[in-house]
Amino acid sequence: SRTPRPGVGAGGVLNGRLLRGRLSIAEAGHTIIERTTGGTVETLGSGTALLRLSGEDPASVAARAAAGDSEALHYFNEVAEAFAVGVFNLVHCFSPEVVVIGGGMSRSGDLLLNPIRRMLEECGGVCPSSRAVVVEAQGGDDVGLKGAAVFWAEGHES
């Protein structure tokens, strides 16, 4: 079985085509969201960050948080808030109508999506371009792999 590579990626679609950078689609996980420590979306707002904070499998922490466990909620909320900062930055830069969140952390549903929605709503008055609908991806854990395949295929069209 294939083990997914941990991290945070991003992709955008404009006029039905995947947005392309010079070298890749988007390395959103490496954007710095904590200036004093150099913390990135990936190091502070991912499943890997949740594992490092809690010492426990991220899916287990999410399940406990969903059940109301206060310790798990503390860990999960810390990671979700960091992830929300990263999403806000992308939304502010690109002003999309919809943000689709996929990957392992997205399986926690509103536990992850609500902090993102809250941040976009709170910042919406100051930054109207941050208004976007936030939904969970329907592509499962392979959404990143599928995006990479589209990226490759579009780059090899004749």
N, C-alpha and C. Protein backbone atom coordinates (compact mmCIF):
# COMPACT_ATOMS: atom_id res chain seq x y z
N SER A 1 0.84 -1.18 0.00
CA SER A 1 0.00 0.00 0.00
C SER A 1 0.88 1.25 0.00
N ARG A 2 0.38 2.28 -0.64
CA ARG A 2 1.12 3.53 -0.79
C ARG A 2 0.91 4.38 0.44
N THR A 3 2.00 4.91 1.00
CA THR A 3 1.92 5.80 2.15
C THR A 3 1.97 7.24 1.65
N PRO A 4 0.93 8.05 1.96
CA PRO A 4 0.96 9.42 1.48
C PRO A 4 2.11 10.21 2.10
N ARG A 5 2.69 11.09 1.32
CA ARG A 5 3.76 11.96 1.79
C ARG A 5 3.11 13.07 2.59
N PRO A 6 3.55 13.28 3.84
CA PRO A 6 2.94 14.33 4.64
C PRO A 6 3.29 15.71 4.09
N GLY A 7 2.40 16.64 4.29
CA GLY A 7 2.69 18.00 3.87
C GLY A 7 1.43 18.74 3.51
N VAL A 8 1.63 19.94 3.00
CA VAL A 8 0.52 20.80 2.61
C VAL A 8 0.82 21.31 1.21
N GLY A 9 -0.05 21.04 0.28
CA GLY A 9 0.08 21.53 -1.08
C GLY A 9 -1.12 22.38 -1.44
N ALA A 10 -1.08 22.98 -2.60
CA ALA A 10 -2.20 23.80 -3.05
C ALA A 10 -2.22 23.79 -4.56
N GLY A 11 -3.37 24.03 -5.10
CA GLY A 11 -3.52 24.17 -6.54
C GLY A 11 -4.66 25.12 -6.80
N GLY A 12 -4.66 25.71 -7.96
CA GLY A 12 -5.72 26.62 -8.33
C GLY A 12 -6.20 26.31 -9.73
N VAL A 13 -7.46 26.60 -9.99
CA VAL A 13 -8.04 26.40 -11.31
C VAL A 13 -8.57 27.74 -11.78
N LEU A 14 -8.20 28.13 -12.99
CA LEU A 14 -8.66 29.37 -13.60
C LEU A 14 -9.06 29.06 -15.03
N ASN A 15 -10.29 29.41 -15.38
CA ASN A 15 -10.81 29.13 -16.72
C ASN A 15 -10.67 27.66 -17.10
N GLY A 16 -10.91 26.79 -16.12
CA GLY A 16 -10.90 25.36 -16.37
C GLY A 16 -9.53 24.72 -16.48
N ARG A 17 -8.48 25.47 -16.21
CA ARG A 17 -7.12 24.93 -16.30
C ARG A 17 -6.39 25.13 -14.98
N LEU A 18 -5.54 24.17 -14.66
CA LEU A 18 -4.74 24.25 -13.45
C LEU A 18 -3.75 25.40 -13.57
N LEU A 19 -3.71 26.26 -12.54
CA LEU A 19 -2.73 27.34 -12.52
C LEU A 19 -1.34 26.74 -12.39
N ARG A 20 -0.41 27.25 -13.16
CA ARG A 20 0.94 26.72 -13.16
C ARG A 20 1.92 27.82 -12.80
N GLY A 21 2.87 27.47 -11.96
CA GLY A 21 3.98 28.36 -11.69
C GLY A 21 5.15 28.00 -12.58
N ARG A 22 6.24 28.63 -12.36
CA ARG A 22 7.43 28.36 -13.17
C ARG A 22 7.91 26.93 -12.98
N LEU A 23 7.87 26.43 -11.74
CA LEU A 23 8.39 25.09 -11.45
C LEU A 23 7.34 24.10 -10.95
N SER A 24 6.25 24.59 -10.40
CA SER A 24 5.27 23.68 -9.81
C SER A 24 3.91 24.36 -9.77
N ILE A 25 2.96 23.69 -9.14
CA ILE A 25 1.65 24.29 -8.99
C ILE A 25 1.69 25.29 -7.83
N ALA A 26 1.95 24.81 -6.64
CA ALA A 26 2.05 25.72 -5.49
C ALA A 26 2.66 24.96 -4.32
N GLU A 27 3.62 25.56 -3.68
CA GLU A 27 4.23 24.98 -2.49
C GLU A 27 3.70 25.73 -1.27
N ALA A 28 2.39 25.67 -1.10
CA ALA A 28 1.75 26.41 -0.02
C ALA A 28 2.24 26.00 1.35
N GLY A 29 2.65 24.77 1.49
CA GLY A 29 3.10 24.28 2.79
C GLY A 29 4.36 24.95 3.29
N HIS A 30 5.12 25.51 2.38
CA HIS A 30 6.39 26.13 2.78
C HIS A 30 6.27 27.63 3.01
N THR A 31 5.05 28.18 2.94
CA THR A 31 4.90 29.60 3.22
C THR A 31 5.00 29.83 4.72
N ILE A 32 5.72 30.86 5.08
CA ILE A 32 5.95 31.18 6.49
C ILE A 32 4.74 31.88 7.07
N ILE A 33 4.25 31.37 8.20
CA ILE A 33 3.10 32.00 8.86
C ILE A 33 3.46 32.47 10.27
N GLU A 34 4.67 32.19 10.70
CA GLU A 34 5.14 32.63 12.03
C GLU A 34 6.54 33.17 11.84
N ARG A 35 6.63 34.47 11.73
CA ARG A 35 7.88 35.13 11.37
C ARG A 35 9.01 34.89 12.36
N THR A 36 8.72 34.94 13.64
CA THR A 36 9.79 34.86 14.63
C THR A 36 10.47 33.49 14.68
N THR A 37 9.71 32.45 14.37
CA THR A 37 10.30 31.10 14.40
C THR A 37 10.56 30.54 13.01
N GLY A 38 10.01 31.19 11.99
CA GLY A 38 10.12 30.65 10.64
C GLY A 38 9.15 29.50 10.42
N GLY A 39 8.17 29.37 11.31
CA GLY A 39 7.18 28.30 11.19
C GLY A 39 6.37 28.43 9.93
N THR A 40 6.18 27.31 9.25
CA THR A 40 5.44 27.29 7.99
C THR A 40 4.07 26.66 8.20
N VAL A 41 3.24 26.72 7.17
CA VAL A 41 1.94 26.05 7.23
C VAL A 41 2.16 24.57 7.51
N GLU A 42 3.16 23.98 6.86
CA GLU A 42 3.43 22.56 7.03
C GLU A 42 3.92 22.21 8.44
N THR A 43 4.81 23.02 9.01
CA THR A 43 5.36 22.68 10.32
C THR A 43 4.40 23.02 11.46
N LEU A 44 3.46 23.93 11.23
CA LEU A 44 2.55 24.34 12.30
C LEU A 44 1.09 23.96 12.06
N GLY A 45 0.70 23.67 10.82
CA GLY A 45 -0.71 23.47 10.52
C GLY A 45 -1.03 22.24 9.71
N SER A 46 -0.36 21.14 9.98
CA SER A 46 -0.59 19.91 9.21
C SER A 46 -0.78 18.71 10.15
N GLY A 47 -1.09 17.57 9.57
CA GLY A 47 -1.17 16.35 10.36
C GLY A 47 0.15 16.03 11.03
N THR A 48 1.24 16.34 10.34
CA THR A 48 2.57 16.12 10.91
C THR A 48 2.76 17.00 12.15
N ALA A 49 2.27 18.23 12.09
CA ALA A 49 2.35 19.13 13.25
C ALA A 49 1.50 18.58 14.40
N LEU A 50 0.34 18.04 14.07
CA LEU A 50 -0.53 17.47 15.10
C LEU A 50 0.14 16.27 15.77
N LEU A 51 0.79 15.44 14.98
CA LEU A 51 1.54 14.30 15.53
C LEU A 51 2.65 14.78 16.46
N ARG A 52 3.39 15.79 16.02
CA ARG A 52 4.50 16.32 16.83
C ARG A 52 3.99 16.91 18.15
N LEU A 53 2.89 17.65 18.10
CA LEU A 53 2.34 18.27 19.32
C LEU A 53 1.80 17.25 20.31
N SER A 54 1.05 16.30 19.79
CA SER A 54 0.32 15.38 20.66
C SER A 54 1.06 14.07 20.92
N GLY A 55 1.99 13.71 20.03
CA GLY A 55 2.64 12.41 20.14
C GLY A 55 1.72 11.27 19.77
N GLU A 56 0.66 11.58 19.07
CA GLU A 56 -0.38 10.60 18.78
C GLU A 56 -0.78 10.69 17.31
N ASP A 57 -1.26 9.60 16.76
CA ASP A 57 -1.74 9.57 15.38
C ASP A 57 -2.77 10.69 15.17
N PRO A 58 -2.61 11.52 14.13
CA PRO A 58 -3.52 12.64 13.90
C PRO A 58 -4.99 12.23 13.81
N ALA A 59 -5.28 11.07 13.20
CA ALA A 59 -6.66 10.61 13.09
C ALA A 59 -7.25 10.34 14.48
N SER A 60 -6.45 9.80 15.38
CA SER A 60 -6.91 9.53 16.75
C SER A 60 -7.18 10.83 17.49
N VAL A 61 -6.29 11.82 17.31
CA VAL A 61 -6.48 13.12 17.96
C VAL A 61 -7.76 13.76 17.44
N ALA A 62 -7.96 13.70 16.12
CA ALA A 62 -9.17 14.29 15.52
C ALA A 62 -10.43 13.60 16.04
N ALA A 63 -10.40 12.29 16.15
CA ALA A 63 -11.56 11.55 16.65
C ALA A 63 -11.86 11.93 18.09
N ARG A 64 -10.82 12.03 18.91
CA ARG A 64 -11.02 12.43 20.31
C ARG A 64 -11.52 13.86 20.40
N ALA A 65 -10.99 14.75 19.55
CA ALA A 65 -11.43 16.15 19.54
C ALA A 65 -12.90 16.24 19.14
N ALA A 66 -13.28 15.47 18.14
CA ALA A 66 -14.68 15.46 17.69
C ALA A 66 -15.61 14.97 18.79
N ALA A 67 -15.09 14.10 19.66
CA ALA A 67 -15.88 13.58 20.79
C ALA A 67 -15.86 14.53 21.99
N GLY A 68 -15.12 15.63 21.87
CA GLY A 68 -15.13 16.64 22.94
C GLY A 68 -14.00 16.56 23.93
N ASP A 69 -13.01 15.69 23.71
CA ASP A 69 -11.87 15.58 24.62
C ASP A 69 -11.11 16.91 24.62
N SER A 70 -10.97 17.52 25.79
CA SER A 70 -10.39 18.87 25.87
C SER A 70 -8.92 18.92 25.46
N GLU A 71 -8.14 17.92 25.84
CA GLU A 71 -6.72 17.90 25.45
C GLU A 71 -6.58 17.79 23.93
N ALA A 72 -7.34 16.88 23.33
CA ALA A 72 -7.29 16.69 21.88
C ALA A 72 -7.79 17.95 21.16
N LEU A 73 -8.84 18.57 21.70
CA LEU A 73 -9.35 19.83 21.11
C LEU A 73 -8.29 20.92 21.14
N HIS A 74 -7.54 20.99 22.24
CA HIS A 74 -6.48 21.99 22.35
C HIS A 74 -5.46 21.79 21.23
N TYR A 75 -4.96 20.57 21.08
CA TYR A 75 -3.97 20.27 20.04
C TYR A 75 -4.55 20.53 18.65
N PHE A 76 -5.74 20.01 18.41
CA PHE A 76 -6.33 20.13 17.08
C PHE A 76 -6.60 21.59 16.72
N ASN A 77 -7.12 22.35 17.67
CA ASN A 77 -7.41 23.77 17.39
C ASN A 77 -6.14 24.56 17.11
N GLU A 78 -5.06 24.25 17.80
CA GLU A 78 -3.79 24.94 17.55
C GLU A 78 -3.34 24.72 16.11
N VAL A 79 -3.42 23.49 15.65
CA VAL A 79 -3.01 23.15 14.29
C VAL A 79 -4.00 23.74 13.27
N ALA A 80 -5.29 23.63 13.55
CA ALA A 80 -6.30 24.16 12.63
C ALA A 80 -6.19 25.67 12.47
N GLU A 81 -5.89 26.38 13.55
CA GLU A 81 -5.73 27.84 13.46
C GLU A 81 -4.53 28.19 12.60
N ALA A 82 -3.43 27.46 12.74
CA ALA A 82 -2.25 27.71 11.91
C ALA A 82 -2.57 27.43 10.44
N PHE A 83 -3.27 26.34 10.18
CA PHE A 83 -3.67 26.01 8.81
C PHE A 83 -4.57 27.10 8.25
N ALA A 84 -5.47 27.61 9.07
CA ALA A 84 -6.38 28.67 8.64
C ALA A 84 -5.63 29.93 8.22
N VAL A 85 -4.54 30.25 8.91
CA VAL A 85 -3.72 31.41 8.52
C VAL A 85 -3.17 31.20 7.11
N GLY A 86 -2.68 30.00 6.84
CA GLY A 86 -2.16 29.70 5.50
C GLY A 86 -3.23 29.81 4.44
N VAL A 87 -4.42 29.28 4.73
CA VAL A 87 -5.52 29.38 3.77
C VAL A 87 -5.91 30.83 3.56
N PHE A 88 -6.00 31.60 4.65
CA PHE A 88 -6.34 33.02 4.52
C PHE A 88 -5.36 33.73 3.59
N ASN A 89 -4.06 33.46 3.77
CA ASN A 89 -3.07 34.12 2.92
C ASN A 89 -3.29 33.81 1.44
N LEU A 90 -3.57 32.55 1.13
CA LEU A 90 -3.84 32.18 -0.26
C LEU A 90 -5.11 32.84 -0.78
N VAL A 91 -6.15 32.83 0.04
CA VAL A 91 -7.41 33.44 -0.37
C VAL A 91 -7.23 34.94 -0.59
N HIS A 92 -6.49 35.57 0.29
CA HIS A 92 -6.25 37.00 0.16
C HIS A 92 -5.48 37.31 -1.14
N CYS A 93 -4.53 36.47 -1.49
CA CYS A 93 -3.73 36.69 -2.71
C CYS A 93 -4.52 36.42 -3.99
N PHE A 94 -5.34 35.37 -3.99
CA PHE A 94 -5.97 34.93 -5.24
C PHE A 94 -7.47 35.20 -5.32
N SER A 95 -8.10 35.55 -4.21
CA SER A 95 -9.52 35.89 -4.17
C SER A 95 -10.43 34.89 -4.88
N PRO A 96 -10.33 33.59 -4.52
CA PRO A 96 -11.20 32.61 -5.18
C PRO A 96 -12.63 32.68 -4.63
N GLU A 97 -13.53 32.11 -5.38
CA GLU A 97 -14.92 32.01 -4.91
C GLU A 97 -15.06 30.84 -3.95
N VAL A 98 -14.32 29.76 -4.21
CA VAL A 98 -14.42 28.52 -3.43
C VAL A 98 -13.02 28.03 -3.06
N VAL A 99 -12.88 27.55 -1.83
CA VAL A 99 -11.65 26.90 -1.37
C VAL A 99 -12.02 25.45 -1.05
N VAL A 100 -11.31 24.53 -1.67
CA VAL A 100 -11.56 23.10 -1.47
C VAL A 100 -10.40 22.54 -0.65
N ILE A 101 -10.72 21.95 0.50
CA ILE A 101 -9.71 21.41 1.40
C ILE A 101 -9.75 19.89 1.30
N GLY A 102 -8.60 19.28 0.99
CA GLY A 102 -8.52 17.83 0.87
C GLY A 102 -7.37 17.29 1.70
N GLY A 103 -7.12 16.01 1.56
CA GLY A 103 -6.05 15.35 2.29
C GLY A 103 -6.53 14.78 3.61
N GLY A 104 -5.61 14.19 4.33
CA GLY A 104 -5.94 13.48 5.56
C GLY A 104 -6.63 14.32 6.62
N MET A 105 -6.15 15.54 6.84
CA MET A 105 -6.75 16.39 7.86
C MET A 105 -8.19 16.75 7.53
N SER A 106 -8.54 16.79 6.25
CA SER A 106 -9.90 17.20 5.86
C SER A 106 -10.95 16.18 6.30
N ARG A 107 -10.51 14.95 6.60
CA ARG A 107 -11.47 13.94 7.07
C ARG A 107 -12.12 14.35 8.39
N SER A 108 -11.54 15.31 9.08
CA SER A 108 -12.12 15.77 10.33
C SER A 108 -13.26 16.76 10.09
N GLY A 109 -13.55 17.07 8.85
CA GLY A 109 -14.71 17.89 8.48
C GLY A 109 -14.70 19.26 9.11
N ASP A 110 -15.82 19.61 9.73
CA ASP A 110 -15.99 20.96 10.29
C ASP A 110 -15.00 21.28 11.39
N LEU A 111 -14.43 20.26 12.02
CA LEU A 111 -13.41 20.50 13.04
C LEU A 111 -12.24 21.28 12.45
N LEU A 112 -11.91 21.01 11.19
CA LEU A 112 -10.86 21.75 10.49
C LEU A 112 -11.44 22.91 9.69
N LEU A 113 -12.57 22.68 9.04
CA LEU A 113 -13.13 23.70 8.14
C LEU A 113 -13.67 24.92 8.88
N ASN A 114 -14.26 24.73 10.05
CA ASN A 114 -14.84 25.88 10.76
C ASN A 114 -13.82 26.92 11.19
N PRO A 115 -12.63 26.55 11.68
CA PRO A 115 -11.63 27.59 11.97
C PRO A 115 -11.23 28.38 10.72
N ILE A 116 -11.19 27.72 9.59
CA ILE A 116 -10.87 28.42 8.34
C ILE A 116 -11.99 29.39 8.00
N ARG A 117 -13.22 28.90 8.05
CA ARG A 117 -14.37 29.76 7.76
C ARG A 117 -14.42 30.96 8.71
N ARG A 118 -14.15 30.69 9.99
CA ARG A 118 -14.18 31.75 11.00
C ARG A 118 -13.12 32.82 10.69
N MET A 119 -11.92 32.39 10.35
CA MET A 119 -10.86 33.35 10.04
C MET A 119 -11.22 34.19 8.82
N LEU A 120 -11.74 33.55 7.78
CA LEU A 120 -12.12 34.29 6.57
C LEU A 120 -13.25 35.28 6.88
N GLU A 121 -14.19 34.87 7.71
CA GLU A 121 -15.29 35.75 8.09
C GLU A 121 -14.80 36.92 8.93
N GLU A 122 -13.95 36.64 9.93
CA GLU A 122 -13.44 37.70 10.80
C GLU A 122 -12.62 38.72 10.03
N CYS A 123 -11.89 38.27 9.04
CA CYS A 123 -11.03 39.16 8.26
C CYS A 123 -11.75 39.76 7.06
N GLY A 124 -12.96 39.31 6.79
CA GLY A 124 -13.72 39.77 5.63
C GLY A 124 -14.02 41.25 5.63
N GLY A 125 -14.21 41.85 6.81
CA GLY A 125 -14.49 43.28 6.87
C GLY A 125 -13.27 44.11 6.50
N VAL A 126 -12.11 43.65 6.90
CA VAL A 126 -10.86 44.35 6.62
C VAL A 126 -10.39 44.04 5.20
N CYS A 127 -10.63 42.83 4.78
CA CYS A 127 -10.12 42.35 3.49
C CYS A 127 -11.26 41.67 2.73
N PRO A 128 -12.06 42.44 1.98
CA PRO A 128 -13.21 41.84 1.29
C PRO A 128 -12.82 40.71 0.33
N SER A 129 -11.59 40.69 -0.16
CA SER A 129 -11.19 39.62 -1.09
C SER A 129 -11.07 38.27 -0.38
N SER A 130 -11.14 38.28 0.97
CA SER A 130 -10.99 37.03 1.70
C SER A 130 -12.31 36.26 1.83
N ARG A 131 -13.36 36.76 1.24
CA ARG A 131 -14.63 36.03 1.31
C ARG A 131 -14.61 34.88 0.31
N ALA A 132 -14.79 33.68 0.81
CA ALA A 132 -14.81 32.50 -0.05
C ALA A 132 -15.58 31.40 0.67
N VAL A 133 -16.20 30.54 -0.09
CA VAL A 133 -16.87 29.37 0.45
C VAL A 133 -15.81 28.29 0.66
N VAL A 134 -15.82 27.64 1.83
CA VAL A 134 -14.84 26.60 2.16
C VAL A 134 -15.57 25.26 2.23
N VAL A 135 -15.09 24.30 1.41
CA VAL A 135 -15.72 22.98 1.36
C VAL A 135 -14.65 21.90 1.42
N GLU A 136 -15.09 20.70 1.75
CA GLU A 136 -14.19 19.54 1.79
C GLU A 136 -14.09 18.92 0.40
N ALA A 137 -12.89 18.53 -0.01
CA ALA A 137 -12.67 17.88 -1.30
C ALA A 137 -13.38 16.54 -1.34
N GLN A 138 -13.78 16.15 -2.53
CA GLN A 138 -14.43 14.86 -2.72
C GLN A 138 -13.48 13.82 -3.29
N GLY A 139 -12.20 14.18 -3.51
CA GLY A 139 -11.23 13.29 -4.14
C GLY A 139 -10.51 12.36 -3.19
N GLY A 140 -10.82 12.42 -1.90
CA GLY A 140 -10.15 11.56 -0.93
C GLY A 140 -8.69 11.93 -0.76
N ASP A 141 -7.92 11.00 -0.21
CA ASP A 141 -6.50 11.24 0.06
C ASP A 141 -5.68 11.37 -1.21
N ASP A 142 -6.21 10.93 -2.35
CA ASP A 142 -5.46 10.98 -3.60
C ASP A 142 -5.63 12.29 -4.35
N VAL A 143 -6.24 13.29 -3.73
CA VAL A 143 -6.48 14.55 -4.43
C VAL A 143 -5.17 15.19 -4.86
N GLY A 144 -4.12 15.12 -4.06
CA GLY A 144 -2.82 15.68 -4.44
C GLY A 144 -2.22 14.92 -5.60
N LEU A 145 -2.35 13.60 -5.59
CA LEU A 145 -1.83 12.77 -6.67
C LEU A 145 -2.57 13.09 -7.97
N LYS A 146 -3.88 13.26 -7.88
CA LYS A 146 -4.67 13.59 -9.07
C LYS A 146 -4.28 14.96 -9.62
N GLY A 147 -4.05 15.92 -8.74
CA GLY A 147 -3.60 17.24 -9.18
C GLY A 147 -2.25 17.18 -9.85
N ALA A 148 -1.35 16.38 -9.31
CA ALA A 148 -0.02 16.22 -9.92
C ALA A 148 -0.13 15.59 -11.30
N ALA A 149 -1.04 14.64 -11.47
CA ALA A 149 -1.23 14.01 -12.78
C ALA A 149 -1.74 15.03 -13.80
N VAL A 150 -2.66 15.88 -13.39
CA VAL A 150 -3.16 16.93 -14.29
C VAL A 150 -2.03 17.89 -14.63
N PHE A 151 -1.24 18.27 -13.63
CA PHE A 151 -0.10 19.17 -13.84
C PHE A 151 0.85 18.58 -14.88
N TRP A 152 1.18 17.29 -14.73
CA TRP A 152 2.07 16.63 -15.67
C TRP A 152 1.45 16.55 -17.06
N ALA A 153 0.19 16.12 -17.13
CA ALA A 153 -0.48 15.94 -18.41
C ALA A 153 -0.58 17.26 -19.18
N GLU A 154 -0.94 18.34 -18.48
CA GLU A 154 -1.05 19.64 -19.16
C GLU A 154 0.30 20.12 -19.65
N GLY A 155 1.36 19.77 -18.96
CA GLY A 155 2.70 20.19 -19.37
C GLY A 155 3.23 19.39 -20.54
N HIS A 156 2.56 18.28 -20.88
CA HIS A 156 3.03 17.41 -21.97
C HIS A 156 2.04 17.38 -23.13
N GLU A 157 1.12 18.34 -23.18
CA GLU A 157 0.19 18.41 -24.32
C GLU A 157 0.94 18.85 -25.55
N SER A 158 0.54 18.29 -26.69
CA SER A 158 1.22 18.71 -27.92
C SER A 158 0.53 19.87 -28.58
